[in-house]
Amino acid sequence: MSEEKTVLQSFGTPANALTFSRLIFLPVVVYGLVTNQHWVAVGAMFLAWLTDLLDGRVARMMGQGGTPFGKALDSTIDFALIYFLFIAFYAAGRLETFQFAFLYLAMVMILTLQFFLQGTGQDDEVATTKFGKPTGALQYLYLLFLVVLEIPAVAAVEVMATIHMVYFWVLAAAIVLNTIEILLMLGKMGREAAPVETSPDA
């Protein structure tokens, strides 16, 4: 009973409410895209990105930062928001297959790292890497950029196609670096988990 109360109290903080609000903005973004109400999609995406910037700061200001529940909630909702929208953009033909392949690789590697943390004593931790935070931030900004490109007047600007590709390849490079880091981490975990061979006594 006390554990249940603790979880409910943790969920009810202003910072976690900001985090959870991103799940409310998610269908609004999709609705704006489907109905061609471009500014609805842009506004909802901007608000979702803004809450991601603010929730941690609010938690620290109120002395509620760094809780395992808050970290897990933030990570899970960010993951759902980012990759749900990338899949939606790809299904709608807004992304090339090679672009989606890089984005899908980022998703698979995060899930793989989290999976292999199970049973290591770190299974209650959110999988993090050195390049994870900047890569996640770049993905959030890329989503906002994709939504802005839904506005016909913006998409019609000739230079936007060049900016789009330059930004994408910066993001792709970050994904590759993050993937390499995760593979190195998994390799280290595998070596540490391998049984040590002992030579028989002479």
Protein backbone atom coordinates (compact mmCIF):
# COMPACT_ATOMS: atom_id res chain seq x y z
CA MET A 1 0.00 0.00 0.00
CA SER A 2 2.80 2.41 0.87
CA GLU A 3 4.60 1.61 -2.41
CA GLU A 4 1.40 2.31 -4.37
CA LYS A 5 0.99 5.62 -2.59
CA THR A 6 4.61 6.51 -3.31
CA VAL A 7 4.15 5.86 -7.06
CA LEU A 8 0.95 7.95 -7.16
CA GLN A 9 2.65 10.78 -5.31
CA SER A 10 5.62 10.63 -7.69
CA PHE A 11 3.32 10.70 -10.71
CA GLY A 12 1.42 13.70 -9.40
CA THR A 13 4.32 16.17 -9.36
CA PRO A 14 4.24 19.24 -11.67
CA ALA A 15 7.38 18.03 -13.48
CA ASN A 16 5.88 14.62 -14.21
CA ALA A 17 2.64 16.28 -15.32
CA LEU A 18 4.68 18.26 -17.86
CA THR A 19 6.33 15.04 -19.01
CA PHE A 20 3.02 13.21 -19.34
CA SER A 21 1.50 16.11 -21.30
CA ARG A 22 3.64 15.11 -24.28
CA LEU A 23 1.34 12.11 -24.77
CA ILE A 24 -1.54 14.58 -25.09
CA PHE A 25 0.33 16.64 -27.70
CA LEU A 26 1.25 13.53 -29.72
CA PRO A 27 -2.19 12.86 -31.26
CA VAL A 28 -2.66 16.61 -31.78
CA VAL A 29 0.45 16.65 -33.97
CA VAL A 30 -0.83 13.69 -35.98
CA TYR A 31 -4.29 15.28 -36.27
CA GLY A 32 -2.75 18.50 -37.59
CA LEU A 33 -0.78 16.56 -40.21
CA VAL A 34 -3.70 14.40 -41.34
CA THR A 35 -6.14 17.31 -41.62
CA ASN A 36 -3.53 19.66 -43.16
CA GLN A 37 -3.93 22.07 -40.23
CA HIS A 38 -0.24 22.80 -40.32
CA TRP A 39 -0.06 25.34 -37.54
CA VAL A 40 -1.86 22.97 -35.18
CA ALA A 41 0.84 20.37 -35.84
CA VAL A 42 3.65 22.91 -35.48
CA GLY A 43 2.23 24.37 -32.27
CA ALA A 44 1.65 20.98 -30.64
CA MET A 45 5.14 19.78 -31.60
CA PHE A 46 6.70 22.96 -30.23
CA LEU A 47 4.82 22.58 -26.94
CA ALA A 48 5.90 18.95 -26.66
CA TRP A 49 9.52 19.97 -27.22
CA LEU A 50 9.15 22.82 -24.71
CA THR A 51 7.85 20.49 -21.99
CA ASP A 52 10.89 18.29 -22.55
CA LEU A 53 13.13 21.27 -21.85
CA LEU A 54 11.17 22.36 -18.78
CA ASP A 55 10.26 19.19 -16.89
CA GLY A 56 13.76 18.51 -15.56
CA ARG A 57 14.27 22.15 -14.58
CA VAL A 58 10.92 22.24 -12.76
CA ALA A 59 11.80 19.03 -10.90
CA ARG A 60 15.13 20.46 -9.76
CA MET A 61 13.58 23.78 -8.71
CA MET A 62 11.07 21.91 -6.53
CA GLY A 63 13.66 19.54 -5.10
CA GLN A 64 12.16 16.55 -6.92
CA GLY A 65 14.85 15.94 -9.50
CA GLY A 66 16.68 12.72 -10.17
CA THR A 67 13.98 10.26 -9.00
CA PRO A 68 14.00 6.85 -10.77
CA PHE A 69 10.27 7.21 -11.52
CA GLY A 70 10.72 10.62 -13.13
CA LYS A 71 13.66 9.47 -15.24
CA ALA A 72 11.81 6.36 -16.39
CA LEU A 73 8.65 8.34 -17.22
CA ASP A 74 10.60 10.99 -19.16
CA SER A 75 12.60 8.42 -21.12
CA THR A 76 9.60 6.22 -21.94
CA ILE A 77 7.40 9.09 -23.13
CA ASP A 78 10.20 10.65 -25.18
CA PHE A 79 10.83 7.27 -26.80
CA ALA A 80 7.15 6.80 -27.65
CA LEU A 81 6.76 10.35 -28.97
CA ILE A 82 9.87 10.42 -31.13
CA TYR A 83 9.58 7.05 -32.82
CA PHE A 84 5.79 7.04 -33.18
CA LEU A 85 6.05 10.28 -35.14
CA PHE A 86 8.99 9.09 -37.24
CA ILE A 87 6.99 5.99 -38.18
CA ALA A 88 3.99 8.22 -38.98
CA PHE A 89 6.10 10.49 -41.20
CA TYR A 90 7.60 7.49 -43.01
CA ALA A 91 4.18 5.90 -43.54
CA ALA A 92 2.97 9.21 -44.96
CA GLY A 93 5.86 9.30 -47.45
CA ARG A 94 7.62 12.26 -45.85
CA LEU A 95 10.83 10.30 -45.24
CA GLU A 96 12.94 8.29 -47.65
CA THR A 97 13.60 4.66 -46.77
CA PHE A 98 17.31 5.29 -46.15
CA GLN A 99 16.42 8.14 -43.77
CA PHE A 100 13.96 6.00 -41.86
CA ALA A 101 16.59 3.22 -41.70
CA PHE A 102 18.94 5.48 -39.71
CA LEU A 103 16.11 6.53 -37.39
CA TYR A 104 14.98 2.94 -36.94
CA LEU A 105 18.57 1.94 -36.15
CA ALA A 106 18.61 4.47 -33.31
CA MET A 107 15.40 2.97 -31.90
CA VAL A 108 16.64 -0.62 -32.15
CA MET A 109 19.97 0.16 -30.48
CA ILE A 110 18.32 1.90 -27.52
CA LEU A 111 15.98 -1.07 -27.04
CA THR A 112 18.89 -3.50 -27.36
CA LEU A 113 20.94 -1.73 -24.73
CA GLN A 114 17.98 -1.60 -22.34
CA PHE A 115 17.32 -5.30 -22.94
CA PHE A 116 20.89 -6.31 -22.12
CA LEU A 117 20.85 -4.22 -18.95
CA GLN A 118 18.27 -6.65 -17.59
CA GLY A 119 19.79 -8.93 -14.98
CA THR A 120 22.95 -6.84 -14.62
CA GLY A 121 21.87 -4.98 -11.50
CA GLN A 122 21.18 -1.92 -13.69
CA ASP A 123 17.79 -3.07 -14.97
CA ASP A 124 16.03 -0.34 -12.99
CA GLU A 125 18.15 2.30 -14.72
CA VAL A 126 17.33 4.10 -17.98
CA ALA A 127 19.81 3.18 -20.69
CA THR A 128 22.05 6.18 -21.34
CA THR A 129 25.16 6.83 -23.40
CA LYS A 130 27.50 9.75 -23.95
CA PHE A 131 25.99 10.47 -27.37
CA GLY A 132 22.45 9.55 -26.32
CA LYS A 133 21.38 12.98 -25.04
CA PRO A 134 22.62 15.01 -28.04
CA THR A 135 21.23 12.41 -30.44
CA GLY A 136 17.84 12.56 -28.72
CA ALA A 137 17.86 16.38 -28.85
CA LEU A 138 18.73 16.31 -32.56
CA GLN A 139 15.86 13.89 -33.20
CA TYR A 140 13.42 16.15 -31.37
CA LEU A 141 14.53 19.15 -33.44
CA TYR A 142 14.36 17.07 -36.61
CA LEU A 143 10.76 16.18 -35.83
CA LEU A 144 9.94 19.85 -35.34
CA PHE A 145 11.67 20.60 -38.65
CA LEU A 146 9.63 17.91 -40.44
CA VAL A 147 6.42 19.38 -39.03
CA VAL A 148 7.41 22.89 -40.16
CA LEU A 149 8.06 21.51 -43.66
CA GLU A 150 4.38 20.55 -43.76
CA ILE A 151 3.62 24.24 -44.21
CA PRO A 152 3.46 24.75 -48.01
CA ALA A 153 5.03 28.21 -47.91
CA VAL A 154 8.04 26.87 -45.99
CA ALA A 155 8.42 23.73 -48.10
CA ALA A 156 8.37 25.87 -51.26
CA VAL A 157 11.55 27.71 -50.25
CA GLU A 158 14.27 26.18 -52.41
CA VAL A 159 17.00 26.27 -49.76
CA MET A 160 14.90 24.22 -47.34
CA ALA A 161 15.67 20.99 -49.20
CA THR A 162 19.40 21.62 -48.74
CA ILE A 163 18.97 22.51 -45.06
CA HIS A 164 16.89 19.38 -44.61
CA MET A 165 19.57 17.08 -46.02
CA VAL A 166 22.44 18.77 -44.16
CA TYR A 167 20.58 18.51 -40.87
CA PHE A 168 19.62 14.91 -41.55
CA TRP A 169 23.23 13.87 -42.17
CA VAL A 170 24.31 15.58 -38.95
CA LEU A 171 21.63 13.56 -37.16
CA ALA A 172 22.69 10.40 -39.01
CA ALA A 173 26.30 10.93 -37.87
CA ALA A 174 25.13 11.29 -34.26
CA ILE A 175 23.11 8.08 -34.60
CA VAL A 176 26.15 6.22 -35.96
CA LEU A 177 28.34 7.48 -33.11
CA ASN A 178 25.70 6.49 -30.57
CA THR A 179 25.39 3.07 -32.21
CA ILE A 180 29.14 2.53 -32.02
CA GLU A 181 29.14 3.53 -28.36
CA ILE A 182 26.30 1.12 -27.59
CA LEU A 183 28.06 -1.72 -29.42
CA LEU A 184 31.23 -1.04 -27.42
CA MET A 185 29.21 -1.06 -24.20
CA LEU A 186 27.57 -4.35 -25.16
CA GLY A 187 30.94 -5.83 -26.01
CA LYS A 188 32.33 -4.78 -22.64
CA MET A 189 29.29 -6.23 -20.87
CA GLY A 190 29.79 -9.49 -22.77
CA ARG A 191 33.46 -9.73 -21.80
CA GLU A 192 32.66 -9.01 -18.15
CA ALA A 193 29.90 -11.63 -18.14
CA ALA A 194 32.07 -14.32 -19.78
CA PRO A 195 33.29 -17.03 -17.36
CA VAL A 196 36.95 -16.85 -16.45
CA GLU A 197 38.85 -19.95 -17.58
CA THR A 198 41.14 -21.41 -14.99
CA SER A 199 44.01 -23.69 -15.86
CA PRO A 200 43.95 -27.14 -14.18
CA ASP A 201 46.40 -27.75 -11.41
CA ALA A 202 49.59 -29.39 -12.54
